Amino acid sequence: MTNITERHTQEGVRGTLDEGRYSGSRGFTHAYFQTSAELREELTAVGLADHTVYGVEGPGWVAAAARGG
Protein backbone atom coordinates (compact mmCIF):
# COMPACT_ATOMS: atom_id res chain seq x y z
CA MET A 1 0.00 0.00 0.00
CA THR A 2 1.25 3.46 -0.86
CA ASN A 3 1.37 6.51 1.37
CA ILE A 4 0.61 8.72 -1.63
CA THR A 5 -3.05 9.57 -1.29
CA GLU A 6 -3.63 12.18 -4.00
CA ARG A 7 -4.99 10.51 -7.10
CA HIS A 8 -3.17 12.84 -9.53
CA THR A 9 0.13 12.11 -7.76
CA GLN A 10 -0.48 8.36 -7.91
CA GLU A 11 -1.23 8.64 -11.62
CA GLY A 12 1.92 10.71 -12.18
CA VAL A 13 4.09 8.17 -10.36
CA ARG A 14 2.47 5.32 -12.26
CA GLY A 15 3.03 7.12 -15.56
CA THR A 16 6.68 7.79 -14.77
CA LEU A 17 7.23 4.13 -13.87
CA ASP A 18 5.46 2.89 -16.99
CA GLU A 19 7.17 5.26 -19.42
CA GLY A 20 10.53 5.87 -17.74
CA ARG A 21 10.19 9.61 -18.31
CA TYR A 22 9.34 12.50 -16.02
CA SER A 23 7.98 15.81 -17.30
CA GLY A 24 9.40 18.00 -14.54
CA SER A 25 5.95 19.16 -13.55
CA ARG A 26 6.32 18.72 -9.78
CA GLY A 27 9.59 20.24 -8.63
CA PHE A 28 12.13 18.00 -10.34
CA THR A 29 13.87 18.48 -13.65
CA HIS A 30 12.81 16.76 -16.85
CA ALA A 31 14.31 13.31 -16.56
CA TYR A 32 14.68 10.01 -18.31
CA PHE A 33 14.73 6.89 -16.18
CA GLN A 34 15.84 3.73 -17.93
CA THR A 35 13.23 1.06 -17.44
CA SER A 36 14.26 -2.42 -16.30
CA ALA A 37 13.14 -3.80 -19.68
CA GLU A 38 15.40 -1.33 -21.51
CA LEU A 39 18.33 -2.23 -19.28
CA ARG A 40 17.79 -5.95 -19.86
CA GLU A 41 17.67 -5.36 -23.64
CA GLU A 42 20.94 -3.41 -23.54
CA LEU A 43 22.69 -6.02 -21.41
CA THR A 44 21.60 -8.76 -23.79
CA ALA A 45 22.62 -6.70 -26.85
CA VAL A 46 26.22 -6.45 -25.61
CA GLY A 47 26.44 -10.16 -24.90
CA LEU A 48 25.59 -10.31 -21.19
CA ALA A 49 22.92 -12.97 -21.50
CA ASP A 50 22.97 -14.28 -17.93
CA HIS A 51 22.10 -11.25 -15.81
CA THR A 52 19.89 -10.18 -12.95
CA VAL A 53 18.61 -6.63 -12.57
CA TYR A 54 18.38 -5.14 -9.08
CA GLY A 55 16.99 -1.76 -8.08
CA VAL A 56 19.83 0.03 -6.33
CA GLU A 57 18.47 3.52 -5.86
CA GLY A 58 15.01 4.96 -5.84
CA PRO A 59 11.57 4.59 -4.35
CA GLY A 60 11.05 0.87 -4.83
CA TRP A 61 8.06 0.86 -2.51
CA VAL A 62 6.31 3.32 -4.83
CA ALA A 63 6.83 1.00 -7.81
CA ALA A 64 5.47 -1.97 -5.93
CA ALA A 65 2.48 -0.03 -4.63
CA ALA A 66 1.68 1.50 -8.04
CA ARG A 67 1.71 -1.94 -9.61
CA GLY A 68 -0.45 -3.41 -6.86
CA GLY A 69 2.38 -5.41 -5.30
C-alpha atoms as a PDB file:
ATOM      1  CA  MET A   1       0.000   0.000   0.000  1.00  0.00           C
ATOM      2  CA  THR A   2       1.253   3.462  -0.857  1.00  0.00           C
ATOM      3  CA  ASN A   3       1.369   6.513   1.371  1.00  0.00           C
ATOM      4  CA  ILE A   4       0.608   8.717  -1.628  1.00  0.00           C
ATOM      5  CA  THR A   5      -3.048   9.566  -1.293  1.00  0.00           C
ATOM      6  CA  GLU A   6      -3.632  12.181  -4.001  1.00  0.00           C
ATOM      7  CA  ARG A   7      -4.990  10.513  -7.105  1.00  0.00           C
ATOM      8  CA  HIS A   8      -3.172  12.840  -9.531  1.00  0.00           C
ATOM      9  CA  THR A   9       0.134  12.106  -7.764  1.00  0.00           C
ATOM     10  CA  GLN A  10      -0.484   8.360  -7.908  1.00  0.00           C
ATOM     11  CA  GLU A  11      -1.233   8.635 -11.618  1.00  0.00           C
ATOM     12  CA  GLY A  12       1.918  10.709 -12.177  1.00  0.00           C
ATOM     13  CA  VAL A  13       4.093   8.173 -10.364  1.00  0.00           C
ATOM     14  CA  ARG A  14       2.474   5.320 -12.261  1.00  0.00           C
ATOM     15  CA  GLY A  15       3.027   7.124 -15.564  1.00  0.00           C
ATOM     16  CA  THR A  16       6.679   7.793 -14.769  1.00  0.00           C
ATOM     17  CA  LEU A  17       7.230   4.135 -13.873  1.00  0.00           C
ATOM     18  CA  ASP A  18       5.455   2.892 -16.987  1.00  0.00           C
ATOM     19  CA  GLU A  19       7.167   5.259 -19.425  1.00  0.00           C
ATOM     20  CA  GLY A  20      10.525   5.873 -17.742  1.00  0.00           C
ATOM     21  CA  ARG A  21      10.188   9.606 -18.306  1.00  0.00           C
ATOM     22  CA  TYR A  22       9.336  12.498 -16.021  1.00  0.00           C
ATOM     23  CA  SER A  23       7.982  15.813 -17.295  1.00  0.00           C
ATOM     24  CA  GLY A  24       9.400  17.995 -14.541  1.00  0.00           C
ATOM     25  CA  SER A  25       5.947  19.162 -13.545  1.00  0.00           C
ATOM     26  CA  ARG A  26       6.323  18.719  -9.778  1.00  0.00           C
ATOM     27  CA  GLY A  27       9.590  20.243  -8.626  1.00  0.00           C
ATOM     28  CA  PHE A  28      12.127  17.998 -10.338  1.00  0.00           C
ATOM     29  CA  THR A  29      13.867  18.482 -13.647  1.00  0.00           C
ATOM     30  CA  HIS A  30      12.809  16.761 -16.851  1.00  0.00           C
ATOM     31  CA  ALA A  31      14.314  13.314 -16.565  1.00  0.00           C
ATOM     32  CA  TYR A  32      14.681  10.008 -18.311  1.00  0.00           C
ATOM     33  CA  PHE A  33      14.734   6.888 -16.180  1.00  0.00           C
ATOM     34  CA  GLN A  34      15.837   3.732 -17.934  1.00  0.00           C
ATOM     35  CA  THR A  35      13.230   1.056 -17.437  1.00  0.00           C
ATOM     36  CA  SER A  36      14.257  -2.418 -16.303  1.00  0.00           C
ATOM     37  CA  ALA A  37      13.140  -3.803 -19.676  1.00  0.00           C
ATOM     38  CA  GLU A  38      15.397  -1.334 -21.509  1.00  0.00           C
ATOM     39  CA  LEU A  39      18.334  -2.233 -19.285  1.00  0.00           C
ATOM     40  CA  ARG A  40      17.792  -5.955 -19.864  1.00  0.00           C
ATOM     41  CA  GLU A  41      17.673  -5.362 -23.635  1.00  0.00           C
ATOM     42  CA  GLU A  42      20.942  -3.407 -23.537  1.00  0.00           C
ATOM     43  CA  LEU A  43      22.691  -6.024 -21.413  1.00  0.00           C
ATOM     44  CA  THR A  44      21.597  -8.765 -23.788  1.00  0.00           C
ATOM     45  CA  ALA A  45      22.616  -6.704 -26.849  1.00  0.00           C
ATOM     46  CA  VAL A  46      26.217  -6.454 -25.613  1.00  0.00           C
ATOM     47  CA  GLY A  47      26.445 -10.162 -24.899  1.00  0.00           C
ATOM     48  CA  LEU A  48      25.594 -10.307 -21.194  1.00  0.00           C
ATOM     49  CA  ALA A  49      22.925 -12.970 -21.497  1.00  0.00           C
ATOM     50  CA  ASP A  50      22.971 -14.283 -17.928  1.00  0.00           C
ATOM     51  CA  HIS A  51      22.101 -11.252 -15.810  1.00  0.00           C
ATOM     52  CA  THR A  52      19.891 -10.182 -12.949  1.00  0.00           C
ATOM     53  CA  VAL A  53      18.613  -6.626 -12.574  1.00  0.00           C
ATOM     54  CA  TYR A  54      18.376  -5.143  -9.078  1.00  0.00           C
ATOM     55  CA  GLY A  55      16.989  -1.763  -8.084  1.00  0.00           C
ATOM     56  CA  VAL A  56      19.835   0.033  -6.332  1.00  0.00           C
ATOM     57  CA  GLU A  57      18.472   3.520  -5.858  1.00  0.00           C
ATOM     58  CA  GLY A  58      15.008   4.958  -5.835  1.00  0.00           C
ATOM     59  CA  PRO A  59      11.573   4.586  -4.351  1.00  0.00           C
ATOM     60  CA  GLY A  60      11.049   0.870  -4.829  1.00  0.00           C
ATOM     61  CA  TRP A  61       8.056   0.864  -2.511  1.00  0.00           C
ATOM     62  CA  VAL A  62       6.311   3.317  -4.834  1.00  0.00           C
ATOM     63  CA  ALA A  63       6.833   1.002  -7.811  1.00  0.00           C
ATOM     64  CA  ALA A  64       5.467  -1.975  -5.931  1.00  0.00           C
ATOM     65  CA  ALA A  65       2.482  -0.030  -4.635  1.00  0.00           C
ATOM     66  CA  ALA A  66       1.680   1.499  -8.044  1.00  0.00           C
ATOM     67  CA  ARG A  67       1.706  -1.945  -9.609  1.00  0.00           C
ATOM     68  CA  GLY A  68      -0.446  -3.412  -6.858  1.00  0.00           C
ATOM     69  CA  GLY A  69       2.382  -5.413  -5.297  1.00  0.00           C
END
